N, C-alpha and C. Protein backbone atom coordinates (compact mmCIF):
# COMPACT_ATOMS: atom_id res chain seq x y z
N UNK A 1 0.81 -1.37 0.06
CA UNK A 1 -0.36 0.11 0.09
C UNK A 1 0.94 1.19 -0.22
N UNK A 2 0.71 2.09 -0.92
CA UNK A 2 1.54 3.34 -0.87
C UNK A 2 0.79 4.27 -0.07
N UNK A 3 1.91 5.16 0.58
CA UNK A 3 1.74 6.29 1.17
C UNK A 3 0.85 6.96 0.46
N UNK A 4 -0.34 7.80 0.88
CA UNK A 4 -1.13 8.89 0.59
C UNK A 4 -0.69 10.52 1.22
N UNK A 5 -1.11 11.65 0.49
CA UNK A 5 -0.89 12.91 0.62
C UNK A 5 -2.10 13.54 0.82
N UNK A 6 -2.44 14.44 1.63
CA UNK A 6 -3.45 15.06 1.85
C UNK A 6 -3.02 16.58 1.48
N UNK A 7 -3.46 17.05 0.84
CA UNK A 7 -3.08 18.75 0.37
C UNK A 7 -4.25 19.41 0.22
N UNK A 8 -3.95 20.50 0.89
CA UNK A 8 -5.06 21.86 0.56
C UNK A 8 -5.06 22.10 -0.76
N UNK A 9 -6.23 22.06 -1.72
CA UNK A 9 -6.72 22.74 -2.50
C UNK A 9 -5.85 23.75 -3.22
N UNK A 10 -5.58 24.88 -2.24
CA UNK A 10 -5.36 26.25 -2.52
C UNK A 10 -3.91 26.34 -2.75
N UNK A 11 -3.09 24.63 -2.53
CA UNK A 11 -1.32 24.94 -3.11
C UNK A 11 -1.30 24.56 -4.21
N UNK A 12 -0.27 25.54 -4.99
CA UNK A 12 -0.64 25.73 -6.19
C UNK A 12 0.98 24.28 -6.61
N UNK A 13 0.41 23.04 -7.00
CA UNK A 13 0.91 21.65 -7.03
C UNK A 13 0.77 21.48 -8.22
N UNK A 14 0.83 20.24 -9.11
CA UNK A 14 0.20 19.91 -10.29
C UNK A 14 -0.98 19.36 -9.83
N UNK A 15 -1.00 18.41 -9.05
CA UNK A 15 -1.79 17.90 -8.39
C UNK A 15 -3.34 18.53 -8.03
N UNK A 16 -3.44 19.69 -7.56
CA UNK A 16 -4.60 20.58 -7.39
C UNK A 16 -4.62 21.34 -8.60
N UNK A 17 -4.25 21.03 -9.62
CA UNK A 17 -4.24 22.00 -11.21
C UNK A 17 -5.87 21.17 -11.88
N UNK A 18 -6.42 22.00 -12.15
CA UNK A 18 -7.35 21.41 -13.24
C UNK A 18 -6.63 20.87 -14.60
N UNK A 19 -5.71 21.31 -14.92
CA UNK A 19 -5.19 20.97 -16.29
C UNK A 19 -4.12 19.50 -15.92
N UNK A 20 -3.91 19.03 -14.67
CA UNK A 20 -3.42 18.16 -14.53
C UNK A 20 -4.27 16.83 -14.68
N UNK A 21 -4.10 15.63 -15.45
CA UNK A 21 -4.52 14.29 -15.45
C UNK A 21 -4.01 13.72 -15.08
N UNK A 22 -4.29 12.76 -13.56
CA UNK A 22 -3.64 12.15 -13.07
C UNK A 22 -5.06 11.42 -11.84
N UNK A 23 -4.11 10.81 -11.34
CA UNK A 23 -5.25 10.03 -10.34
C UNK A 23 -5.06 10.61 -8.75
N UNK A 24 -6.37 11.19 -8.43
CA UNK A 24 -6.32 12.09 -7.46
C UNK A 24 -8.12 11.67 -6.94
N UNK A 25 -8.17 12.28 -5.60
CA UNK A 25 -9.50 12.16 -4.90
C UNK A 25 -9.80 13.70 -4.58
N UNK A 26 -10.77 14.38 -5.13
CA UNK A 26 -10.64 15.64 -4.64
C UNK A 26 -11.97 15.84 -3.46
N UNK A 27 -12.03 16.20 -2.17
CA UNK A 27 -13.06 16.54 -1.44
C UNK A 27 -13.20 17.98 -1.71
N UNK A 28 -14.32 18.40 -2.15
CA UNK A 28 -14.79 20.15 -2.08
C UNK A 28 -15.34 20.52 -0.97
N UNK A 29 -15.96 19.41 -0.50
CA UNK A 29 -16.25 20.00 1.05
C UNK A 29 -15.18 20.70 2.10
N UNK A 30 -14.20 19.48 2.33
CA UNK A 30 -12.88 19.80 3.09
C UNK A 30 -11.85 20.76 2.00
N UNK A 31 -11.90 20.95 0.78
CA UNK A 31 -11.22 21.73 -0.28
C UNK A 31 -9.70 21.36 -0.03
N UNK A 32 -9.48 19.80 -0.14
CA UNK A 32 -8.54 18.88 -0.16
C UNK A 32 -8.22 17.78 -1.34
N UNK A 33 -6.92 17.65 -1.72
CA UNK A 33 -6.89 17.02 -2.85
C UNK A 33 -5.99 15.73 -1.64
N UNK A 34 -6.24 14.44 -2.51
CA UNK A 34 -5.58 12.96 -1.86
C UNK A 34 -4.72 12.46 -3.05
N UNK A 35 -3.78 12.30 -3.11
CA UNK A 35 -2.72 11.56 -4.02
C UNK A 35 -2.03 10.60 -3.21
N UNK A 36 -1.52 9.51 -4.44
CA UNK A 36 -0.21 8.87 -3.51
C UNK A 36 1.05 9.78 -3.56
N UNK A 37 1.80 9.39 -2.92
CA UNK A 37 3.13 9.95 -2.44
C UNK A 37 3.91 10.31 -4.04
N UNK A 38 4.14 8.74 -4.86
CA UNK A 38 4.59 9.10 -6.05
C UNK A 38 3.99 9.16 -7.40
N UNK A 39 2.72 9.75 -7.19
CA UNK A 39 1.79 9.74 -8.41
C UNK A 39 2.21 10.30 -9.10
N UNK A 40 1.95 10.32 -10.47
CA UNK A 40 2.20 10.99 -11.76
C UNK A 40 1.35 11.46 -12.62
N UNK A 41 1.00 12.46 -13.55
CA UNK A 41 -0.14 12.87 -14.12
C UNK A 41 0.31 13.11 -15.61
N UNK A 42 -0.44 13.76 -16.44
CA UNK A 42 -0.31 14.18 -17.77
C UNK A 42 -0.63 15.69 -17.64
N UNK A 43 0.34 16.78 -17.89
CA UNK A 43 -0.03 18.02 -17.91
C UNK A 43 -0.58 18.56 -19.21
N UNK A 44 -1.90 18.59 -19.20
CA UNK A 44 -2.51 18.85 -20.20
C UNK A 44 -2.13 20.17 -21.16
N UNK A 45 -1.95 21.01 -20.39
CA UNK A 45 -1.03 22.26 -21.00
C UNK A 45 0.34 22.10 -21.88
N UNK A 46 1.08 21.56 -21.01
CA UNK A 46 2.53 21.35 -21.48
C UNK A 46 2.78 19.96 -22.47
N UNK A 47 1.81 19.16 -22.14
CA UNK A 47 2.23 17.83 -22.91
C UNK A 47 2.83 16.95 -22.39
N UNK A 48 3.09 17.19 -20.99
CA UNK A 48 4.05 16.19 -20.52
C UNK A 48 4.22 15.34 -19.22
N UNK A 49 4.47 14.55 -18.76
CA UNK A 49 4.01 14.09 -17.33
C UNK A 49 5.05 14.58 -16.38
N UNK A 50 4.01 14.78 -14.94
CA UNK A 50 4.51 15.55 -14.00
C UNK A 50 4.21 15.08 -12.58
N UNK A 51 4.98 14.85 -11.97
CA UNK A 51 4.64 14.38 -10.71
C UNK A 51 3.61 15.22 -10.08
N UNK A 52 2.47 14.79 -9.37
CA UNK A 52 1.59 15.41 -8.38
C UNK A 52 2.11 16.26 -7.84
N UNK A 53 3.20 16.14 -7.13
CA UNK A 53 3.73 17.31 -6.15
C UNK A 53 4.72 18.62 -6.75
N UNK A 54 4.74 18.55 -8.12
CA UNK A 54 5.44 19.38 -8.67
C UNK A 54 4.77 20.86 -8.55
N UNK A 55 5.77 21.73 -8.26
CA UNK A 55 5.56 23.17 -8.01
C UNK A 55 5.68 23.76 -9.48
N UNK A 56 4.42 24.00 -10.17
CA UNK A 56 4.69 24.57 -11.33
C UNK A 56 5.24 26.02 -11.50
N UNK A 57 4.86 26.72 -10.70
CA UNK A 57 5.29 28.20 -10.84
C UNK A 57 6.62 28.25 -10.29
N UNK A 58 7.44 27.90 -9.56
CA UNK A 58 8.91 27.64 -9.42
C UNK A 58 9.61 27.12 -10.32
N UNK A 59 9.11 26.38 -10.87
CA UNK A 59 10.12 25.67 -12.24
C UNK A 59 9.41 25.96 -13.60
N UNK A 60 8.34 26.45 -13.70
CA UNK A 60 7.92 26.41 -15.00
C UNK A 60 6.85 27.65 -15.23
N UNK A 61 7.42 28.79 -15.42
CA UNK A 61 6.82 30.18 -15.61
C UNK A 61 5.88 29.96 -16.59
N UNK A 62 5.92 29.41 -17.46
CA UNK A 62 4.73 28.86 -18.84
C UNK A 62 3.38 28.35 -18.56
N UNK A 63 3.49 27.79 -17.13
CA UNK A 63 2.40 27.10 -16.34
C UNK A 63 1.08 28.29 -16.41
N UNK A 64 0.06 27.04 -16.82
CA UNK A 64 -1.45 28.05 -16.87
C UNK A 64 -1.99 27.03 -15.78
N UNK A 65 -1.31 27.08 -14.72
CA UNK A 65 -2.20 26.73 -13.28
C UNK A 65 -3.74 27.32 -13.31
N UNK A 66 -4.57 26.28 -12.95
CA UNK A 66 -6.20 27.15 -12.41
C UNK A 66 -6.65 25.69 -11.38
N UNK A 67 -6.86 26.80 -10.32
CA UNK A 67 -7.07 26.15 -9.29
C UNK A 67 -8.72 25.23 -8.86
N UNK A 68 -8.74 23.99 -8.81
CA UNK A 68 -9.68 23.24 -8.88
C UNK A 68 -11.04 23.60 -8.61
N UNK A 69 -10.24 24.33 -7.05
CA UNK A 69 -12.03 24.69 -6.50
C UNK A 69 -12.95 25.51 -7.37
N UNK A 70 -14.28 24.94 -7.48
CA UNK A 70 -15.28 25.95 -8.23
C UNK A 70 -15.28 27.28 -7.75
N UNK A 71 -15.30 28.30 -8.60
CA UNK A 71 -15.69 29.59 -8.46
C UNK A 71 -16.77 29.97 -7.56
N UNK A 72 -16.45 31.19 -6.65
CA UNK A 72 -17.57 31.52 -5.79
C UNK A 72 -18.57 31.87 -6.67
N UNK A 73 -19.89 31.90 -6.53
CA UNK A 73 -21.13 32.46 -7.02
C UNK A 73 -21.37 33.64 -6.96
N UNK A 74 -21.89 34.52 -8.37
CA UNK A 74 -21.95 35.79 -8.08
C UNK A 74 -23.07 36.15 -7.28
N UNK A 75 -23.35 37.27 -7.02
CA UNK A 75 -24.66 38.36 -6.08
C UNK A 75 -25.88 37.50 -6.97
N UNK A 76 -25.75 37.40 -8.47
CA UNK A 76 -26.95 37.36 -9.24
C UNK A 76 -27.26 35.58 -8.91
N UNK A 77 -25.90 35.06 -8.71
CA UNK A 77 -26.26 33.55 -8.53
C UNK A 77 -27.00 32.72 -7.24
N UNK A 78 -26.33 34.12 -6.26
CA UNK A 78 -26.86 34.07 -5.00
C UNK A 78 -28.03 34.19 -4.67
N UNK A 79 -28.41 35.05 -5.26
CA UNK A 79 -30.22 35.53 -5.29
C UNK A 79 -31.10 34.83 -5.82
N UNK A 80 -31.06 33.80 -6.79
CA UNK A 80 -31.60 32.99 -7.19
C UNK A 80 -31.93 31.40 -6.64
């Protein structure tokens, strides 16, 4: 059994990016992402394989990191 990592969804690493296609479990209520410690996935933007824990902003300035968490509802959406 591999070790699991629980990461806050706000941390800017590959595993918490909408453009990373790898095995992960996302808990939207707790705002966490769970991945295996050695998990890898495919970066859909750069078309390369990346480790889940790669910090894209530190190493790849052309990263188009997008947060996994849904956007906050607008005032109009809240009123409906």
